[in-house]
Amino acid sequence: MMKAINHTRKTCLAHSVIMADSFFPRLKGLLGKPRLNPGWCLVLKPCKSVHTVLMRFSIDVLFLDRHGRALRLISHMPPFRLSGIVRDSHLAVELPAGTLAASGTKVGDIIKLTEE
């Protein structure tokens, strides 16, 4: 199983990573899910923007460049919102709401997706 680690702050953002790196998994994303459990995240690759249309819960969103550098953070993005486009984003990490604040994650931090 993959983990999402904030290498800069030495914190674990998620111990279980769900990869959505093809068309249909990216299209579905978290739609239809009642929540995103603590310790889990969805990684959308490639991804320059996200939405929470038809979702039932808020999420944290982290946009990363090709080197894993955090470009933009959105905390507690509520249902029925659009993130806007993050031009240099390579992927987006969707996390349970509150994860970014709890981990101290900031723009510029290096995030690594690692296999156990």
PDB file of N, CA and C in Angstrom:
ATOM      1  N   MET A   1       0.850  -1.183   0.000  1.00  0.00           N
ATOM      2  CA  MET A   1       0.000   0.000   0.000  1.00  0.00           C
ATOM      3  C   MET A   1       0.890   1.238   0.000  1.00  0.00           C
ATOM      4  N   MET A   2       0.474   2.245  -0.715  1.00  0.00           N
ATOM      5  CA  MET A   2       1.206   3.512  -0.774  1.00  0.00           C
ATOM      6  C   MET A   2       0.831   4.414   0.391  1.00  0.00           C
ATOM      7  N   LYS A   3       1.787   5.262   0.785  1.00  0.00           N
ATOM      8  CA  LYS A   3       1.574   6.289   1.796  1.00  0.00           C
ATOM      9  C   LYS A   3       1.841   7.658   1.175  1.00  0.00           C
ATOM     10  N   ALA A   4       1.204   8.685   1.741  1.00  0.00           N
ATOM     11  CA  ALA A   4       1.488  10.067   1.373  1.00  0.00           C
ATOM     12  C   ALA A   4       2.183  10.708   2.569  1.00  0.00           C
ATOM     13  N   ILE A   5       3.437  11.102   2.374  1.00  0.00           N
ATOM     14  CA  ILE A   5       4.277  11.631   3.446  1.00  0.00           C
ATOM     15  C   ILE A   5       4.667  13.076   3.139  1.00  0.00           C
ATOM     16  N   ASN A   6       4.498  13.963   4.116  1.00  0.00           N
ATOM     17  CA  ASN A   6       5.028  15.304   3.997  1.00  0.00           C
ATOM     18  C   ASN A   6       6.485  15.208   4.429  1.00  0.00           C
ATOM     19  N   HIS A   7       7.364  15.144   3.437  1.00  0.00           N
ATOM     20  CA  HIS A   7       8.798  14.959   3.686  1.00  0.00           C
ATOM     21  C   HIS A   7       9.390  16.170   4.420  1.00  0.00           C
ATOM     22  N   THR A   8       8.896  17.363   4.121  1.00  0.00           N
ATOM     23  CA  THR A   8       9.397  18.583   4.746  1.00  0.00           C
ATOM     24  C   THR A   8       9.131  18.584   6.246  1.00  0.00           C
ATOM     25  N   ARG A   9       7.940  18.190   6.638  1.00  0.00           N
ATOM     26  CA  ARG A   9       7.518  18.259   8.048  1.00  0.00           C
ATOM     27  C   ARG A   9       7.612  16.919   8.767  1.00  0.00           C
ATOM     28  N   LYS A  10       7.998  15.872   8.029  1.00  0.00           N
ATOM     29  CA  LYS A  10       8.140  14.524   8.614  1.00  0.00           C
ATOM     30  C   LYS A  10       6.819  14.029   9.221  1.00  0.00           C
ATOM     31  N   THR A  11       5.721  14.231   8.473  1.00  0.00           N
ATOM     32  CA  THR A  11       4.408  13.771   8.931  1.00  0.00           C
ATOM     33  C   THR A  11       3.762  12.899   7.866  1.00  0.00           C
ATOM     34  N   CYS A  12       2.923  11.997   8.298  1.00  0.00           N
ATOM     35  CA  CYS A  12       2.173  11.128   7.387  1.00  0.00           C
ATOM     36  C   CYS A  12       0.819  11.769   7.126  1.00  0.00           C
ATOM     37  N   LEU A  13       0.532  12.068   5.861  1.00  0.00           N
ATOM     38  CA  LEU A  13      -0.766  12.625   5.484  1.00  0.00           C
ATOM     39  C   LEU A  13      -1.799  11.511   5.317  1.00  0.00           C
ATOM     40  N   ALA A  14      -1.353  10.372   4.797  1.00  0.00           N
ATOM     41  CA  ALA A  14      -2.269   9.243   4.587  1.00  0.00           C
ATOM     42  C   ALA A  14      -1.471   7.945   4.570  1.00  0.00           C
ATOM     43  N   HIS A  15      -1.979   6.948   5.277  1.00  0.00           N
ATOM     44  CA  HIS A  15      -1.316   5.639   5.276  1.00  0.00           C
ATOM     45  C   HIS A  15      -1.855   4.744   4.166  1.00  0.00           C
ATOM     46  N   SER A  16      -2.936   5.176   3.509  1.00  0.00           N
ATOM     47  CA  SER A  16      -3.520   4.413   2.407  1.00  0.00           C
ATOM     48  C   SER A  16      -3.880   5.362   1.272  1.00  0.00           C
ATOM     49  N   VAL A  17      -3.217   5.175   0.135  1.00  0.00           N
ATOM     50  CA  VAL A  17      -3.405   6.024  -1.036  1.00  0.00           C
ATOM     51  C   VAL A  17      -4.186   5.253  -2.094  1.00  0.00           C
ATOM     52  N   ILE A  18      -5.257   5.869  -2.575  1.00  0.00           N
ATOM     53  CA  ILE A  18      -6.010   5.320  -3.700  1.00  0.00           C
ATOM     54  C   ILE A  18      -5.571   6.105  -4.927  1.00  0.00           C
ATOM     55  N   MET A  19      -5.020   5.427  -5.933  1.00  0.00           N
ATOM     56  CA  MET A  19      -4.562   6.096  -7.152  1.00  0.00           C
ATOM     57  C   MET A  19      -5.682   6.119  -8.182  1.00  0.00           C
ATOM     58  N   ALA A  20      -5.917   7.282  -8.754  1.00  0.00           N
ATOM     59  CA  ALA A  20      -6.846   7.440  -9.866  1.00  0.00           C
ATOM     60  C   ALA A  20      -6.031   8.060 -10.998  1.00  0.00           C
ATOM     61  N   ASP A  21      -5.419   7.198 -11.817  1.00  0.00           N
ATOM     62  CA  ASP A  21      -4.507   7.681 -12.851  1.00  0.00           C
ATOM     63  C   ASP A  21      -4.929   7.271 -14.263  1.00  0.00           C
ATOM     64  N   SER A  22      -6.217   6.973 -14.413  1.00  0.00           N
ATOM     65  CA  SER A  22      -6.780   6.754 -15.738  1.00  0.00           C
ATOM     66  C   SER A  22      -8.152   7.424 -15.781  1.00  0.00           C
ATOM     67  N   PHE A  23      -8.738   7.500 -16.966  1.00  0.00           N
ATOM     68  CA  PHE A  23      -9.920   8.328 -17.182  1.00  0.00           C
ATOM     69  C   PHE A  23     -11.079   8.021 -16.234  1.00  0.00           C
ATOM     70  N   PHE A  24     -11.554   6.791 -16.180  1.00  0.00           N
ATOM     71  CA  PHE A  24     -12.751   6.498 -15.400  1.00  0.00           C
ATOM     72  C   PHE A  24     -12.549   6.633 -13.886  1.00  0.00           C
ATOM     73  N   PRO A  25     -11.454   6.155 -13.324  1.00  0.00           N
ATOM     74  CA  PRO A  25     -11.248   6.398 -11.882  1.00  0.00           C
ATOM     75  C   PRO A  25     -11.153   7.893 -11.544  1.00  0.00           C
ATOM     76  N   ARG A  26     -10.523   8.692 -12.423  1.00  0.00           N
ATOM     77  CA  ARG A  26     -10.459  10.145 -12.184  1.00  0.00           C
ATOM     78  C   ARG A  26     -11.837  10.768 -12.308  1.00  0.00           C
ATOM     79  N   LEU A  27     -12.619  10.296 -13.291  1.00  0.00           N
ATOM     80  CA  LEU A  27     -13.967  10.830 -13.490  1.00  0.00           C
ATOM     81  C   LEU A  27     -14.847  10.562 -12.273  1.00  0.00           C
ATOM     82  N   LYS A  28     -14.767   9.357 -11.728  1.00  0.00           N
ATOM     83  CA  LYS A  28     -15.599   8.996 -10.578  1.00  0.00           C
ATOM     84  C   LYS A  28     -15.093   9.647  -9.293  1.00  0.00           C
ATOM     85  N   GLY A  29     -13.796   9.627  -9.076  1.00  0.00           N
ATOM     86  CA  GLY A  29     -13.228  10.231  -7.874  1.00  0.00           C
ATOM     87  C   GLY A  29     -13.899   9.734  -6.609  1.00  0.00           C
ATOM     88  N   LEU A  30     -14.366  10.659  -5.788  1.00  0.00           N
ATOM     89  CA  LEU A  30     -15.016  10.313  -4.519  1.00  0.00           C
ATOM     90  C   LEU A  30     -16.542  10.370  -4.613  1.00  0.00           C
ATOM     91  N   LEU A  31     -17.065  10.553  -5.822  1.00  0.00           N
ATOM     92  CA  LEU A  31     -18.519  10.627  -5.990  1.00  0.00           C
ATOM     93  C   LEU A  31     -19.183   9.349  -5.499  1.00  0.00           C
ATOM     94  N   GLY A  32     -20.257   9.520  -4.755  1.00  0.00           N
ATOM     95  CA  GLY A  32     -21.003   8.377  -4.235  1.00  0.00           C
ATOM     96  C   GLY A  32     -20.501   7.863  -2.900  1.00  0.00           C
ATOM     97  N   LYS A  33     -19.352   8.342  -2.462  1.00  0.00           N
ATOM     98  CA  LYS A  33     -18.813   7.914  -1.164  1.00  0.00           C
ATOM     99  C   LYS A  33     -19.457   8.739  -0.051  1.00  0.00           C
ATOM    100  N   PRO A  34     -19.769   8.106   1.088  1.00  0.00           N
ATOM    101  CA  PRO A  34     -20.359   8.863   2.192  1.00  0.00           C
ATOM    102  C   PRO A  34     -19.342   9.729   2.932  1.00  0.00           C
ATOM    103  N   ARG A  35     -18.045   9.383   2.818  1.00  0.00           N
ATOM    104  CA  ARG A  35     -16.975  10.130   3.481  1.00  0.00           C
ATOM    105  C   ARG A  35     -15.626   9.590   2.993  1.00  0.00           C
ATOM    106  N   LEU A  36     -14.574  10.302   3.334  1.00  0.00           N
ATOM    107  CA  LEU A  36     -13.205   9.834   3.119  1.00  0.00           C
ATOM    108  C   LEU A  36     -12.641   9.565   4.499  1.00  0.00           C
ATOM    109  N   ASN A  37     -12.352   8.315   4.783  1.00  0.00           N
ATOM    110  CA  ASN A  37     -11.918   7.927   6.122  1.00  0.00           C
ATOM    111  C   ASN A  37     -10.568   8.540   6.494  1.00  0.00           C
ATOM    112  N   PRO A  38     -10.364   8.845   7.782  1.00  0.00           N
ATOM    113  CA  PRO A  38      -9.064   9.346   8.237  1.00  0.00           C
ATOM    114  C   PRO A  38      -7.953   8.380   7.836  1.00  0.00           C
ATOM    115  N   GLY A  39      -6.831   8.948   7.401  1.00  0.00           N
ATOM    116  CA  GLY A  39      -5.694   8.125   7.008  1.00  0.00           C
ATOM    117  C   GLY A  39      -5.722   7.689   5.557  1.00  0.00           C
ATOM    118  N   TRP A  40      -6.761   8.040   4.831  1.00  0.00           N
ATOM    119  CA  TRP A  40      -6.883   7.683   3.424  1.00  0.00           C
ATOM    120  C   TRP A  40      -6.817   8.943   2.573  1.00  0.00           C
ATOM    121  N   CYS A  41      -6.412   8.779   1.301  1.00  0.00           N
ATOM    122  CA  CYS A  41      -6.466   9.888   0.354  1.00  0.00           C
ATOM    123  C   CYS A  41      -6.670   9.340  -1.049  1.00  0.00           C
ATOM    124  N   LEU A  42      -7.154  10.207  -1.915  1.00  0.00           N
ATOM    125  CA  LEU A  42      -7.302   9.890  -3.333  1.00  0.00           C
ATOM    126  C   LEU A  42      -6.334  10.774  -4.090  1.00  0.00           C
ATOM    127  N   VAL A  43      -5.497  10.164  -4.935  1.00  0.00           N
ATOM    128  CA  VAL A  43      -4.550  10.907  -5.756  1.00  0.00           C
ATOM    129  C   VAL A  43      -5.050  10.871  -7.195  1.00  0.00           C
ATOM    130  N   LEU A  44      -5.287  12.057  -7.750  1.00  0.00           N
ATOM    131  CA  LEU A  44      -5.751  12.214  -9.128  1.00  0.00           C
ATOM    132  C   LEU A  44      -4.563  12.634  -9.985  1.00  0.00           C
ATOM    133  N   LYS A  45      -4.245  11.812 -10.996  1.00  0.00           N
ATOM    134  CA  LYS A  45      -3.057  12.067 -11.812  1.00  0.00           C
ATOM    135  C   LYS A  45      -3.361  11.744 -13.261  1.00  0.00           C
ATOM    136  N   PRO A  46      -3.189  12.676 -14.172  1.00  0.00           N
ATOM    137  CA  PRO A  46      -2.836  14.079 -13.987  1.00  0.00           C
ATOM    138  C   PRO A  46      -4.046  14.869 -13.503  1.00  0.00           C
ATOM    139  N   CYS A  47      -3.806  16.049 -12.931  1.00  0.00           N
ATOM    140  CA  CYS A  47      -4.914  16.842 -12.420  1.00  0.00           C
ATOM    141  C   CYS A  47      -4.481  18.282 -12.185  1.00  0.00           C
ATOM    142  N   LYS A  48      -5.248  19.215 -12.755  1.00  0.00           N
ATOM    143  CA  LYS A  48      -4.992  20.648 -12.581  1.00  0.00           C
ATOM    144  C   LYS A  48      -6.135  21.351 -11.863  1.00  0.00           C
ATOM    145  N   SER A  49      -7.266  20.646 -11.651  1.00  0.00           N
ATOM    146  CA  SER A  49      -8.389  21.217 -10.909  1.00  0.00           C
ATOM    147  C   SER A  49      -9.281  20.085 -10.416  1.00  0.00           C
ATOM    148  N   VAL A  50     -10.036  20.366  -9.367  1.00  0.00           N
ATOM    149  CA  VAL A  50     -10.970  19.381  -8.825  1.00  0.00           C
ATOM    150  C   VAL A  50     -12.315  20.065  -8.564  1.00  0.00           C
ATOM    151  N   HIS A  51     -13.326  19.250  -8.344  1.00  0.00           N
ATOM    152  CA  HIS A  51     -14.636  19.773  -7.968  1.00  0.00           C
ATOM    153  C   HIS A  51     -15.223  18.863  -6.894  1.00  0.00           C
ATOM    154  N   THR A  52     -16.186  19.408  -6.174  1.00  0.00           N
ATOM    155  CA  THR A  52     -16.904  18.616  -5.170  1.00  0.00           C
ATOM    156  C   THR A  52     -18.402  18.597  -5.479  1.00  0.00           C
ATOM    157  N   VAL A  53     -18.736  18.776  -6.760  1.00  0.00           N
ATOM    158  CA  VAL A  53     -20.133  18.717  -7.194  1.00  0.00           C
ATOM    159  C   VAL A  53     -20.672  17.317  -6.919  1.00  0.00           C
ATOM    160  N   LEU A  54     -21.824  17.238  -6.317  1.00  0.00           N
ATOM    161  CA  LEU A  54     -22.522  15.994  -5.955  1.00  0.00           C
ATOM    162  C   LEU A  54     -21.861  15.225  -4.811  1.00  0.00           C
ATOM    163  N   MET A  55     -20.848  15.808  -4.187  1.00  0.00           N
ATOM    164  CA  MET A  55     -20.253  15.160  -3.017  1.00  0.00           C
ATOM    165  C   MET A  55     -21.042  15.549  -1.775  1.00  0.00           C
ATOM    166  N   ARG A  56     -20.938  14.732  -0.739  1.00  0.00           N
ATOM    167  CA  ARG A  56     -21.706  14.943   0.488  1.00  0.00           C
ATOM    168  C   ARG A  56     -20.868  15.460   1.652  1.00  0.00           C
ATOM    169  N   PHE A  57     -19.596  15.697   1.429  1.00  0.00           N
ATOM    170  CA  PHE A  57     -18.702  16.061   2.531  1.00  0.00           C
ATOM    171  C   PHE A  57     -17.601  16.987   2.033  1.00  0.00           C
ATOM    172  N   SER A  58     -16.983  17.703   2.955  1.00  0.00           N
ATOM    173  CA  SER A  58     -15.854  18.586   2.642  1.00  0.00           C
ATOM    174  C   SER A  58     -14.560  17.776   2.591  1.00  0.00           C
ATOM    175  N   ILE A  59     -13.598  18.295   1.843  1.00  0.00           N
ATOM    176  CA  ILE A  59     -12.285  17.651   1.741  1.00  0.00           C
ATOM    177  C   ILE A  59     -11.194  18.711   1.789  1.00  0.00           C
ATOM    178  N   ASP A  60      -9.983  18.269   2.075  1.00  0.00           N
ATOM    179  CA  ASP A  60      -8.783  19.080   1.875  1.00  0.00           C
ATOM    180  C   ASP A  60      -8.192  18.664   0.537  1.00  0.00           C
ATOM    181  N   VAL A  61      -7.635  19.627  -0.195  1.00  0.00           N
ATOM    182  CA  VAL A  61      -7.035  19.332  -1.499  1.00  0.00           C
ATOM    183  C   VAL A  61      -5.636  19.918  -1.533  1.00  0.00           C
ATOM    184  N   LEU A  62      -4.718  19.128  -2.067  1.00  0.00           N
ATOM    185  CA  LEU A  62      -3.316  19.509  -2.161  1.00  0.00           C
ATOM    186  C   LEU A  62      -2.885  19.311  -3.612  1.00  0.00           C
ATOM    187  N   PHE A  63      -2.468  20.376  -4.275  1.00  0.00           N
ATOM    188  CA  PHE A  63      -1.979  20.297  -5.656  1.00  0.00           C
ATOM    189  C   PHE A  63      -0.451  20.265  -5.630  1.00  0.00           C
ATOM    190  N   LEU A  64       0.122  19.299  -6.343  1.00  0.00           N
ATOM    191  CA  LEU A  64       1.576  19.116  -6.363  1.00  0.00           C
ATOM    192  C   LEU A  64       2.126  19.248  -7.774  1.00  0.00           C
ATOM    193  N   ASP A  65       3.350  19.787  -7.892  1.00  0.00           N
ATOM    194  CA  ASP A  65       4.017  19.819  -9.191  1.00  0.00           C
ATOM    195  C   ASP A  65       4.718  18.482  -9.439  1.00  0.00           C
ATOM    196  N   ARG A  66       5.430  18.378 -10.535  1.00  0.00           N
ATOM    197  CA  ARG A  66       6.094  17.112 -10.913  1.00  0.00           C
ATOM    198  C   ARG A  66       7.158  16.665  -9.910  1.00  0.00           C
ATOM    199  N   HIS A  67       7.623  17.580  -9.077  1.00  0.00           N
ATOM    200  CA  HIS A  67       8.658  17.258  -8.096  1.00  0.00           C
ATOM    201  C   HIS A  67       8.079  17.015  -6.704  1.00  0.00           C
ATOM    202  N   GLY A  68       6.755  17.037  -6.592  1.00  0.00           N
ATOM    203  CA  GLY A  68       6.113  16.809  -5.300  1.00  0.00           C
ATOM    204  C   GLY A  68       5.996  18.041  -4.433  1.00  0.00           C
ATOM    205  N   ARG A  69       6.292  19.206  -4.985  1.00  0.00           N
ATOM    206  CA  ARG A  69       6.203  20.461  -4.226  1.00  0.00           C
ATOM    207  C   ARG A  69       4.746  20.916  -4.184  1.00  0.00           C
ATOM    208  N   ALA A  70       4.287  21.270  -2.985  1.00  0.00           N
ATOM    209  CA  ALA A  70       2.918  21.744  -2.804  1.00  0.00           C
ATOM    210  C   ALA A  70       2.762  23.130  -3.422  1.00  0.00           C
ATOM    211  N   LEU A  71       1.868  23.228  -4.412  1.00  0.00           N
ATOM    212  CA  LEU A  71       1.623  24.480  -5.110  1.00  0.00           C
ATOM    213  C   LEU A  71       0.448  25.253  -4.532  1.00  0.00           C
ATOM    214  N   ARG A  72      -0.596  24.530  -4.169  1.00  0.00           N
ATOM    215  CA  ARG A  72      -1.808  25.160  -3.633  1.00  0.00           C
ATOM    216  C   ARG A  72      -2.480  24.205  -2.669  1.00  0.00           C
ATOM    217  N   LEU A  73      -3.003  24.756  -1.587  1.00  0.00           N
ATOM    218  CA  LEU A  73      -3.747  23.983  -0.593  1.00  0.00           C
ATOM    219  C   LEU A  73      -5.145  24.564  -0.477  1.00  0.00           C
ATOM    220  N   ILE A  74      -6.116  23.700  -0.369  1.00  0.00           N
ATOM    221  CA  ILE A  74      -7.485  24.114  -0.096  1.00  0.00           C
ATOM    222  C   ILE A  74      -7.945  23.324   1.123  1.00  0.00           C
ATOM    223  N   SER A  75      -8.279  24.025   2.182  1.00  0.00           N
ATOM    224  CA  SER A  75      -8.740  23.377   3.406  1.00  0.00           C
ATOM    225  C   SER A  75     -10.258  23.426   3.469  1.00  0.00           C
ATOM    226  N   HIS A  76     -10.846  22.310   3.853  1.00  0.00           N
ATOM    227  CA  HIS A  76     -12.300  22.212   4.052  1.00  0.00           C
ATOM    228  C   HIS A  76     -13.086  22.693   2.834  1.00  0.00           C
ATOM    229  N   MET A  77     -12.727  22.199   1.650  1.00  0.00           N
ATOM    230  CA  MET A  77     -13.473  22.542   0.434  1.00  0.00           C
ATOM    231  C   MET A  77     -14.855  21.904   0.528  1.00  0.00           C
ATOM    232  N   PRO A  78     -15.912  22.730   0.584  1.00  0.00           N
ATOM    233  CA  PRO A  78     -17.251  22.182   0.791  1.00  0.00           C
ATOM    234  C   PRO A  78     -17.827  21.561  -0.486  1.00  0.00           C
ATOM    235  N   PRO A  79     -18.914  20.797  -0.340  1.00  0.00           N
ATOM    236  CA  PRO A  79     -19.585  20.244  -1.522  1.00  0.00           C
ATOM    237  C   PRO A  79     -20.037  21.352  -2.484  1.00  0.00           C
ATOM    238  N   PHE A  80     -20.118  20.981  -3.754  1.00  0.00           N
ATOM    239  CA  PHE A  80     -20.605  21.852  -4.831  1.00  0.00           C
ATOM    240  C   PHE A  80     -19.711  23.059  -5.093  1.00  0.00           C
ATOM    241  N   ARG A  81     -18.389  22.828  -5.046  1.00  0.00           N
ATOM    242  CA  ARG A  81     -17.426  23.891  -5.338  1.00  0.00           C
ATOM    243  C   ARG A  81     -16.454  23.436  -6.433  1.00  0.00           C
ATOM    244  N   LEU A  82     -15.809  24.409  -7.070  1.00  0.00           N
ATOM    245  CA  LEU A  82     -14.749  24.172  -8.052  1.00  0.00           C
ATOM    246  C   LEU A  82     -13.464  24.778  -7.517  1.00  0.00           C
ATOM    247  N   SER A  83     -12.355  24.106  -7.728  1.00  0.00           N
ATOM    248  CA  SER A  83     -11.084  24.598  -7.194  1.00  0.00           C
ATOM    249  C   SER A  83     -10.474  25.703  -8.029  1.00  0.00           C
ATOM    250  N   GLY A  84     -10.807  25.787  -9.275  1.00  0.00           N
ATOM    251  CA  GLY A  84     -10.063  26.637 -10.198  1.00  0.00           C
ATOM    252  C   GLY A  84      -8.865  25.852 -10.707  1.00  0.00           C
ATOM    253  N   ILE A  85      -8.245  26.346 -11.733  1.00  0.00           N
ATOM    254  CA  ILE A  85      -7.124  25.644 -12.367  1.00  0.00           C
ATOM    255  C   ILE A  85      -5.811  26.041 -11.700  1.00  0.00           C
ATOM    256  N   VAL A  86      -5.001  25.038 -11.403  1.00  0.00           N
ATOM    257  CA  VAL A  86      -3.650  25.244 -10.871  1.00  0.00           C
ATOM    258  C   VAL A  86      -2.704  24.867 -12.004  1.00  0.00           C
ATOM    259  N   ARG A  87      -2.239  25.862 -12.699  1.00  0.00           N
ATOM    260  CA  ARG A  87      -1.543  25.686 -13.981  1.00  0.00           C
ATOM    261  C   ARG A  87      -0.396  24.684 -13.968  1.00  0.00           C
ATOM    262  N   ASP A  88       0.484  24.743 -12.991  1.00  0.00           N
ATOM    263  CA  ASP A  88       1.658  23.865 -12.976  1.00  0.00           C
ATOM    264  C   ASP A  88       1.431  22.562 -12.215  1.00  0.00           C
ATOM    265  N   SER A  89       0.186  22.289 -11.841  1.00  0.00           N
ATOM    266  CA  SER A  89      -0.112  21.079 -11.075  1.00  0.00           C
ATOM    267  C   SER A  89       0.073  19.824 -11.928  1.00  0.00           C
ATOM    268  N   HIS A  90       0.658  18.833 -11.328  1.00  0.00           N
ATOM    269  CA  HIS A  90       0.828  17.521 -11.957  1.00  0.00           C
ATOM    270  C   HIS A  90      -0.199  16.540 -11.406  1.00  0.00           C
ATOM    271  N   LEU A  91      -0.493  16.681 -10.119  1.00  0.00           N
ATOM    272  CA  LEU A  91      -1.495  15.818  -9.499  1.00  0.00           C
ATOM    273  C   LEU A  91      -2.153  16.525  -8.328  1.00  0.00           C
ATOM    274  N   ALA A  92      -3.302  15.986  -7.934  1.00  0.00           N
ATOM    275  CA  ALA A  92      -4.030  16.509  -6.777  1.00  0.00           C
ATOM    276  C   ALA A  92      -4.228  15.386  -5.778  1.00  0.00           C
ATOM    277  N   VAL A  93      -4.126  15.722  -4.516  1.00  0.00           N
ATOM    278  CA  VAL A  93      -4.345  14.777  -3.427  1.00  0.00           C
ATOM    279  C   VAL A  93      -5.576  15.254  -2.661  1.00  0.00           C
ATOM    280  N   GLU A  94      -6.616  14.413  -2.616  1.00  0.00           N
ATOM    281  CA  GLU A  94      -7.821  14.731  -1.860  1.00  0.00           C
ATOM    282  C   GLU A  94      -7.758  13.984  -0.537  1.00  0.00           C
ATOM    283  N   LEU A  95      -7.898  14.722   0.552  1.00  0.00           N
ATOM    284  CA  LEU A  95      -7.724  14.202   1.909  1.00  0.00           C
ATOM    285  C   LEU A  95      -8.948  14.524   2.759  1.00  0.00           C
ATOM    286  N   PRO A  96      -9.138  13.808   3.858  1.00  0.00           N
ATOM    287  CA  PRO A  96     -10.216  14.178   4.769  1.00  0.00           C
ATOM    288  C   PRO A  96     -10.024  15.618   5.252  1.00  0.00           C
ATOM    289  N   ALA A  97     -11.116  16.350   5.375  1.00  0.00           N
ATOM    290  CA  ALA A  97     -11.056  17.735   5.839  1.00  0.00           C
ATOM    291  C   ALA A  97     -10.348  17.804   7.189  1.00  0.00           C
ATOM    292  N   GLY A  98      -9.434  18.748   7.327  1.00  0.00           N
ATOM    293  CA  GLY A  98      -8.674  18.931   8.555  1.00  0.00           C
ATOM    294  C   GLY A  98      -7.286  18.327   8.527  1.00  0.00           C
ATOM    295  N   THR A  99      -6.997  17.488   7.540  1.00  0.00           N
ATOM    296  CA  THR A  99      -5.696  16.810   7.464  1.00  0.00           C
ATOM    297  C   THR A  99      -4.555  17.791   7.259  1.00  0.00           C
ATOM    298  N   LEU A 100      -4.739  18.768   6.377  1.00  0.00           N
ATOM    299  CA  LEU A 100      -3.654  19.716   6.089  1.00  0.00           C
ATOM    300  C   LEU A 100      -3.301  20.554   7.312  1.00  0.00           C
ATOM    301  N   ALA A 101      -4.310  21.029   8.026  1.00  0.00           N
ATOM    302  CA  ALA A 101      -4.057  21.813   9.241  1.00  0.00           C
ATOM    303  C   ALA A 101      -3.399  20.955  10.316  1.00  0.00           C
ATOM    304  N   ALA A 102      -3.895  19.741  10.509  1.00  0.00           N
ATOM    305  CA  ALA A 102      -3.355  18.858  11.550  1.00  0.00           C
ATOM    306  C   ALA A 102      -1.896  18.498  11.287  1.00  0.00           C
ATOM    307  N   SER A 103      -1.512  18.398  10.006  1.00  0.00           N
ATOM    308  CA  SER A 103      -0.138  18.025   9.660  1.00  0.00           C
ATOM    309  C   SER A 103       0.781  19.230   9.527  1.00  0.00           C
ATOM    310  N   GLY A 104       0.215  20.437   9.530  1.00  0.00           N
ATOM    311  CA  GLY A 104       1.030  21.638   9.368  1.00  0.00           C
ATOM    312  C   GLY A 104       1.507  21.854   7.946  1.00  0.00           C
ATOM    313  N   THR A 105       0.907  21.175   6.986  1.00  0.00           N
ATOM    314  CA  THR A 105       1.337  21.262   5.589  1.00  0.00           C
ATOM    315  C   THR A 105       1.155  22.684   5.055  1.00  0.00           C
ATOM    316  N   LYS A 106       2.176  23.164   4.344  1.00  0.00           N
ATOM    317  CA  LYS A 106       2.187  24.522   3.776  1.00  0.00           C
ATOM    318  C   LYS A 106       2.594  24.469   2.306  1.00  0.00           C
ATOM    319  N   VAL A 107       2.282  25.536   1.574  1.00  0.00           N
ATOM    320  CA  VAL A 107       2.756  25.680   0.197  1.00  0.00           C
ATOM    321  C   VAL A 107       4.281  25.612   0.212  1.00  0.00           C
ATOM    322  N   GLY A 108       4.852  24.865  -0.707  1.00  0.00           N
ATOM    323  CA  GLY A 108       6.301  24.702  -0.790  1.00  0.00           C
ATOM    324  C   GLY A 108       6.818  23.413  -0.156  1.00  0.00           C
ATOM    325  N   ASP A 109       6.022  22.787   0.693  1.00  0.00           N
ATOM    326  CA  ASP A 109       6.427  21.507   1.295  1.00  0.00           C
ATOM    327  C   ASP A 109       6.579  20.449   0.202  1.00  0.00           C
ATOM    328  N   ILE A 110       7.457  19.491   0.448  1.00  0.00           N
ATOM    329  CA  ILE A 110       7.661  18.373  -0.475  1.00  0.00           C
ATOM    330  C   ILE A 110       6.871  17.174   0.035  1.00  0.00           C
ATOM    331  N   ILE A 111       5.997  16.657  -0.824  1.00  0.00           N
ATOM    332  CA  ILE A 111       5.146  15.517  -0.496  1.00  0.00           C
ATOM    333  C   ILE A 111       5.630  14.338  -1.325  1.00  0.00           C
ATOM    334  N   LYS A 112       5.801  13.204  -0.668  1.00  0.00           N
ATOM    335  CA  LYS A 112       6.245  11.992  -1.364  1.00  0.00           C
ATOM    336  C   LYS A 112       5.190  10.907  -1.241  1.00  0.00           C
ATOM    337  N   LEU A 113       4.938  10.237  -2.346  1.00  0.00           N
ATOM    338  CA  LEU A 113       4.082   9.046  -2.357  1.00  0.00           C
ATOM    339  C   LEU A 113       5.018   7.854  -2.376  1.00  0.00           C
ATOM    340  N   THR A 114       4.985   7.055  -1.316  1.00  0.00           N
ATOM    341  CA  THR A 114       5.941   5.961  -1.170  1.00  0.00           C
ATOM    342  C   THR A 114       5.246   4.638  -0.943  1.00  0.00           C
ATOM    343  N   GLU A 115       5.848   3.579  -1.446  1.00  0.00           N
ATOM    344  CA  GLU A 115       5.375   2.219  -1.193  1.00  0.00           C
ATOM    345  C   GLU A 115       5.891   1.783   0.166  1.00  0.00           C
ATOM    346  N   GLU A 116       5.082   1.015   0.885  1.00  0.00           N
ATOM    347  CA  GLU A 116       5.539   0.504   2.184  1.00  0.00           C
ATOM    348  C   GLU A 116       6.604  -0.521   1.976  1.00  0.00           C
TER     349      GLU A 116
END
